[in-house]
C-alpha atoms as a PDB file:
ATOM      1  CA  MET A   1     -16.780   9.801   3.783  1.00  0.00           C
ATOM      2  CA  GLN A   2     -18.089   7.226   6.193  1.00  0.00           C
ATOM      3  CA  SER A   3     -21.568   8.082   5.464  1.00  0.00           C
ATOM      4  CA  LEU A   4     -20.743   7.331   1.730  1.00  0.00           C
ATOM      5  CA  LEU A   5     -19.017   4.208   2.104  1.00  0.00           C
ATOM      6  CA  SER A   6     -22.157   3.225   4.737  1.00  0.00           C
ATOM      7  CA  TYR A   7     -24.691   4.078   2.090  1.00  0.00           C
ATOM      8  CA  ILE A   8     -22.778   1.579  -0.689  1.00  0.00           C
ATOM      9  CA  LYS A   9     -22.467  -1.198   1.700  1.00  0.00           C
ATOM     10  CA  TRP A  10     -26.249  -1.248   2.384  1.00  0.00           C
ATOM     11  CA  MET A  11     -26.742  -0.929  -1.250  1.00  0.00           C
ATOM     12  CA  ILE A  12     -24.716  -3.972  -1.521  1.00  0.00           C
ATOM     13  CA  ALA A  13     -26.358  -5.892   1.167  1.00  0.00           C
ATOM     14  CA  SER A  14     -29.927  -4.968   0.182  1.00  0.00           C
ATOM     15  CA  GLN A  15     -30.023  -5.388  -3.266  1.00  0.00           C
ATOM     16  CA  ARG A  16     -27.378  -8.470  -3.103  1.00  0.00           C
ATOM     17  CA  ILE A  17     -24.997  -7.226  -5.387  1.00  0.00           C
ATOM     18  CA  LEU A  18     -21.621  -8.902  -6.095  1.00  0.00           C
ATOM     19  CA  ILE A  19     -19.321  -6.148  -6.618  1.00  0.00           C
ATOM     20  CA  LYS A  20     -16.397  -8.087  -6.236  1.00  0.00           C
ATOM     21  CA  GLN A  21     -16.479 -10.100  -9.495  1.00  0.00           C
ATOM     22  CA  GLN A  22     -17.767  -6.861 -11.153  1.00  0.00           C
ATOM     23  CA  LEU A  23     -14.290  -5.124 -10.360  1.00  0.00           C
ATOM     24  CA  GLN A  24     -12.338  -8.693 -10.671  1.00  0.00           C
ATOM     25  CA  ASP A  25     -13.329  -8.941 -14.303  1.00  0.00           C
ATOM     26  CA  TYR A  26     -11.512  -5.741 -15.156  1.00  0.00           C
ATOM     27  CA  ASP A  27      -8.348  -6.915 -13.048  1.00  0.00           C
ATOM     28  CA  ARG A  28      -7.062  -9.082 -16.241  1.00  0.00           C
ATOM     29  CA  THR A  29      -3.447  -8.993 -14.497  1.00  0.00           C
ATOM     30  CA  LYS A  30      -4.474  -9.696 -11.247  1.00  0.00           C
ATOM     31  CA  CYS A  31      -2.803  -7.030  -9.696  1.00  0.00           C
ATOM     32  CA  SER A  32      -5.830  -5.731  -7.197  1.00  0.00           C
ATOM     33  CA  PHE A  33      -5.513  -2.493  -9.377  1.00  0.00           C
ATOM     34  CA  ILE A  34      -8.213  -1.537 -12.165  1.00  0.00           C
ATOM     35  CA  THR A  35      -8.445   2.279 -14.089  1.00  0.00           C
ATOM     36  CA  ARG A  36     -10.308   5.021 -12.583  1.00  0.00           C
ATOM     37  CA  GLU A  37     -12.774   4.953 -15.581  1.00  0.00           C
ATOM     38  CA  GLN A  38     -13.098   1.467 -15.116  1.00  0.00           C
ATOM     39  CA  PHE A  39     -14.011   1.753 -11.340  1.00  0.00           C
ATOM     40  CA  VAL A  40     -16.386   4.475 -12.584  1.00  0.00           C
ATOM     41  CA  ARG A  41     -17.975   2.240 -14.727  1.00  0.00           C
ATOM     42  CA  VAL A  42     -18.614  -0.346 -12.368  1.00  0.00           C
ATOM     43  CA  LEU A  43     -20.353   1.769  -9.779  1.00  0.00           C
ATOM     44  CA  ASP A  44     -22.317   3.579 -12.776  1.00  0.00           C
ATOM     45  CA  ASN A  45     -23.445   0.059 -13.861  1.00  0.00           C
ATOM     46  CA  LEU A  46     -24.313  -0.978 -10.247  1.00  0.00           C
ATOM     47  CA  ASN A  47     -26.039   2.295  -9.696  1.00  0.00           C
ATOM     48  CA  LEU A  48     -24.146   3.040  -6.486  1.00  0.00           C
ATOM     49  CA  VAL A  49     -23.386   5.906  -6.846  1.00  0.00           C
ATOM     50  CA  ARG A  50     -23.628   8.636  -9.809  1.00  0.00           C
ATOM     51  CA  ASN A  51     -23.099  12.248  -8.275  1.00  0.00           C
ATOM     52  CA  GLN A  52     -19.611  12.904  -9.750  1.00  0.00           C
ATOM     53  CA  THR A  53     -18.315  14.635  -6.698  1.00  0.00           C
ATOM     54  CA  LEU A  54     -18.695  11.762  -4.483  1.00  0.00           C
ATOM     55  CA  VAL A  55     -17.437   9.350  -7.508  1.00  0.00           C
ATOM     56  CA  ASP A  56     -14.149  11.760  -7.065  1.00  0.00           C
ATOM     57  CA  ILE A  57     -13.845  11.627  -3.419  1.00  0.00           C
ATOM     58  CA  LEU A  58     -13.801   7.524  -3.927  1.00  0.00           C
ATOM     59  CA  CYS A  59     -11.379   7.663  -6.498  1.00  0.00           C
ATOM     60  CA  LYS A  60      -9.406   9.812  -4.741  1.00  0.00           C
ATOM     61  CA  LYS A  61      -9.387   7.856  -1.613  1.00  0.00           C
ATOM     62  CA  TYR A  62      -8.652   4.600  -3.429  1.00  0.00           C
ATOM     63  CA  ALA A  63      -6.325   6.002  -5.802  1.00  0.00           C
ATOM     64  CA  ARG A  64      -2.726   4.074  -6.142  1.00  0.00           C
ATOM     65  CA  SER A  65      -0.331   6.492  -4.408  1.00  0.00           C
ATOM     66  CA  THR A  66       2.350   5.995  -7.506  1.00  0.00           C
ATOM     67  CA  ASN A  67      -0.340   6.384 -10.329  1.00  0.00           C
ATOM     68  CA  PRO A  68      -3.347   7.940  -9.240  1.00  0.00           C
ATOM     69  CA  LYS A  69      -5.309   6.828 -12.359  1.00  0.00           C
ATOM     70  CA  GLU A  70      -5.315   3.242 -10.759  1.00  0.00           C
ATOM     71  CA  ILE A  71      -7.591   2.500  -8.389  1.00  0.00           C
ATOM     72  CA  ALA A  72      -7.058  -0.205  -5.213  1.00  0.00           C
ATOM     73  CA  TYR A  73     -10.258  -1.660  -5.820  1.00  0.00           C
ATOM     74  CA  THR A  74      -9.284  -4.745  -3.183  1.00  0.00           C
ATOM     75  CA  ASP A  75      -9.168  -1.956  -0.428  1.00  0.00           C
ATOM     76  CA  PHE A  76     -12.556  -0.751  -1.559  1.00  0.00           C
ATOM     77  CA  ILE A  77     -14.081  -4.421  -1.495  1.00  0.00           C
ATOM     78  CA  SER A  78     -12.892  -4.697   1.883  1.00  0.00           C
ATOM     79  CA  ASP A  79     -14.455  -1.338   3.311  1.00  0.00           C
ATOM     80  CA  VAL A  80     -17.939  -2.129   1.840  1.00  0.00           C
ATOM     81  CA  GLU A  81     -18.362  -5.901   1.593  1.00  0.00           C
ATOM     82  CA  ASP A  82     -19.379  -7.745   4.808  1.00  0.00           C
ATOM     83  CA  ILE A  83     -16.642 -10.471   4.998  1.00  0.00           C
ATOM     84  CA  LYS A  84     -17.894 -13.504   6.925  1.00  0.00           C
END
């Protein structure tokens, strides 16, 4: 998991990807959660992760405990973005 997150962090930094805005666009209710499909769509559109097994691992890690079909994207952002 650490290797995968390090790779994503490197991709975001090296390509100057603004992932936070991409994910927030799907959070219309501002509840810090988006659907699994929306999360996967952003990862795919930004060419961050295309391997289905790795996507499943990420989704499992950031899935909401009460509803596994919802992803806590804010937790993902805090793990992969350099906050200064």
